[in-house]
Structures are given as structure tokens and as C-alpha cells.
Amino acid sequence: MTKPPNPTTFFKTPGRLEAFSDGVLAIAVTLLILEIRVPSTHDASTVAEL
């Protein structure tokens, strides 16, 4: 069984830090582009259906 990497040494190489920051940026841009809307409810019966 391998030991988990030490957090202080995990990001010491620039490649890993760059890949991590690219992933975070990709997720942020995706969430900004997607239009997630809450469905509008007209009466109380539709709320129960949700």
C-alpha cells in the first residue's frame, strides 16, 4: 500500500501545480458558461412535484 503524498511536497513540481490550476480554471469557466436556472413555479402543487 502506498503512502499518500505529503501536501507540502505534492505541489513542489511546477507541472503538478500548473495542471491543478488549469483544472480549477476549467471548472470555473464551465460553471460560468452553463446557464443553470431554477424552474419557475406558478402554484403550490408544482412545488410538491419538484
N, C-alpha and C. Protein backbone atom coordinates (compact mmCIF):
# COMPACT_ATOMS: atom_id res chain seq x y z
N MET A 1 0.85 -1.17 0.00
CA MET A 1 0.00 0.00 0.00
C MET A 1 0.90 1.24 0.00
N THR A 2 0.62 2.17 -0.90
CA THR A 2 1.46 3.36 -0.98
C THR A 2 1.00 4.41 -0.01
N LYS A 3 1.95 5.19 0.41
CA LYS A 3 1.67 6.27 1.35
C LYS A 3 1.14 7.48 0.58
N PRO A 4 0.12 8.18 1.08
CA PRO A 4 -0.38 9.36 0.36
C PRO A 4 0.69 10.44 0.33
N PRO A 5 0.71 11.24 -0.75
CA PRO A 5 1.74 12.27 -0.85
C PRO A 5 1.56 13.35 0.20
N ASN A 6 2.68 13.85 0.64
CA ASN A 6 2.70 14.95 1.60
C ASN A 6 2.21 16.21 0.88
N PRO A 7 1.23 16.94 1.42
CA PRO A 7 0.71 18.13 0.73
C PRO A 7 1.78 19.18 0.44
N THR A 8 2.79 19.27 1.28
CA THR A 8 3.81 20.28 1.04
C THR A 8 4.73 19.90 -0.11
N THR A 9 4.90 18.61 -0.38
CA THR A 9 5.77 18.21 -1.49
C THR A 9 4.99 17.92 -2.76
N PHE A 10 3.66 17.81 -2.68
CA PHE A 10 2.86 17.48 -3.84
C PHE A 10 2.92 18.57 -4.91
N PHE A 11 2.90 19.83 -4.50
CA PHE A 11 2.88 20.94 -5.46
C PHE A 11 4.25 21.57 -5.66
N LYS A 12 5.31 20.88 -5.27
CA LYS A 12 6.64 21.46 -5.46
C LYS A 12 7.07 21.45 -6.91
N THR A 13 6.61 20.50 -7.68
CA THR A 13 6.97 20.49 -9.10
C THR A 13 6.01 21.40 -9.85
N PRO A 14 6.52 22.23 -10.74
CA PRO A 14 5.66 23.19 -11.45
C PRO A 14 4.60 22.52 -12.32
N GLY A 15 4.88 21.35 -12.83
CA GLY A 15 3.90 20.67 -13.69
C GLY A 15 2.63 20.31 -12.96
N ARG A 16 2.77 19.83 -11.74
CA ARG A 16 1.59 19.45 -10.96
C ARG A 16 0.78 20.68 -10.56
N LEU A 17 1.45 21.73 -10.16
CA LEU A 17 0.74 22.95 -9.79
C LEU A 17 0.04 23.55 -11.00
N GLU A 18 0.70 23.51 -12.15
CA GLU A 18 0.09 24.04 -13.37
C GLU A 18 -1.13 23.21 -13.78
N ALA A 19 -1.04 21.90 -13.68
CA ALA A 19 -2.17 21.04 -14.02
C ALA A 19 -3.34 21.26 -13.06
N PHE A 20 -3.04 21.44 -11.78
CA PHE A 20 -4.09 21.69 -10.80
C PHE A 20 -4.78 23.01 -11.07
N SER A 21 -4.01 24.07 -11.33
CA SER A 21 -4.61 25.37 -11.58
C SER A 21 -5.39 25.37 -12.90
N ASP A 22 -4.93 24.62 -13.90
CA ASP A 22 -5.68 24.51 -15.15
C ASP A 22 -7.01 23.82 -14.92
N GLY A 23 -7.02 22.81 -14.08
CA GLY A 23 -8.27 22.11 -13.77
C GLY A 23 -9.25 22.99 -13.03
N VAL A 24 -8.75 23.75 -12.07
CA VAL A 24 -9.62 24.67 -11.31
C VAL A 24 -10.19 25.73 -12.24
N LEU A 25 -9.37 26.27 -13.11
CA LEU A 25 -9.83 27.28 -14.07
C LEU A 25 -10.86 26.70 -15.04
N ALA A 26 -10.64 25.49 -15.50
CA ALA A 26 -11.59 24.86 -16.42
C ALA A 26 -12.96 24.66 -15.76
N ILE A 27 -12.96 24.24 -14.51
CA ILE A 27 -14.23 24.05 -13.80
C ILE A 27 -14.93 25.39 -13.60
N ALA A 28 -14.18 26.43 -13.23
CA ALA A 28 -14.77 27.75 -13.01
C ALA A 28 -15.38 28.30 -14.29
N VAL A 29 -14.67 28.18 -15.40
CA VAL A 29 -15.18 28.69 -16.68
C VAL A 29 -16.42 27.90 -17.11
N THR A 30 -16.40 26.60 -16.89
CA THR A 30 -17.56 25.77 -17.24
C THR A 30 -18.78 26.20 -16.45
N LEU A 31 -18.61 26.44 -15.16
CA LEU A 31 -19.74 26.86 -14.34
C LEU A 31 -20.24 28.25 -14.74
N LEU A 32 -19.36 29.12 -15.19
CA LEU A 32 -19.79 30.44 -15.64
C LEU A 32 -20.54 30.38 -16.96
N ILE A 33 -20.17 29.46 -17.82
CA ILE A 33 -20.79 29.38 -19.15
C ILE A 33 -22.15 28.70 -19.08
N LEU A 34 -22.27 27.68 -18.25
CA LEU A 34 -23.54 26.95 -18.16
C LEU A 34 -24.62 27.86 -17.58
N GLU A 35 -25.78 27.79 -18.19
CA GLU A 35 -26.91 28.55 -17.67
C GLU A 35 -27.77 27.60 -16.86
N ILE A 36 -27.62 27.63 -15.56
CA ILE A 36 -28.40 26.78 -14.68
C ILE A 36 -29.51 27.64 -14.09
N ARG A 37 -30.72 27.29 -14.43
CA ARG A 37 -31.86 28.09 -13.98
C ARG A 37 -32.76 27.23 -13.09
N VAL A 38 -33.34 27.87 -12.11
CA VAL A 38 -34.32 27.23 -11.25
C VAL A 38 -35.66 27.29 -11.97
N PRO A 39 -36.35 26.16 -12.09
CA PRO A 39 -37.64 26.20 -12.77
C PRO A 39 -38.64 27.08 -12.03
N SER A 40 -39.37 27.85 -12.79
CA SER A 40 -40.36 28.73 -12.15
C SER A 40 -41.58 27.93 -11.73
N THR A 41 -42.13 28.29 -10.60
CA THR A 41 -43.32 27.61 -10.10
C THR A 41 -44.48 28.59 -10.11
N HIS A 42 -45.61 28.13 -10.60
CA HIS A 42 -46.78 29.00 -10.69
C HIS A 42 -47.76 28.79 -9.56
N ASP A 43 -47.79 27.60 -9.03
CA ASP A 43 -48.67 27.36 -7.90
C ASP A 43 -48.03 26.34 -6.95
N ALA A 44 -48.66 26.11 -5.81
CA ALA A 44 -48.08 25.26 -4.78
C ALA A 44 -48.02 23.80 -5.18
N SER A 45 -48.87 23.36 -6.09
CA SER A 45 -48.87 21.95 -6.47
C SER A 45 -47.60 21.58 -7.25
N THR A 46 -47.04 22.52 -8.02
CA THR A 46 -45.83 22.21 -8.77
C THR A 46 -44.62 22.12 -7.86
N VAL A 47 -44.62 22.78 -6.73
CA VAL A 47 -43.51 22.69 -5.80
C VAL A 47 -43.40 21.27 -5.26
N ALA A 48 -44.53 20.64 -4.99
CA ALA A 48 -44.53 19.27 -4.49
C ALA A 48 -44.04 18.31 -5.56
N GLU A 49 -44.28 18.63 -6.83
CA GLU A 49 -43.83 17.77 -7.91
C GLU A 49 -42.32 17.83 -8.11
N LEU A 50 -41.71 18.93 -7.72
CA LEU A 50 -40.26 19.06 -7.86
C LEU A 50 -39.59 18.15 -6.88
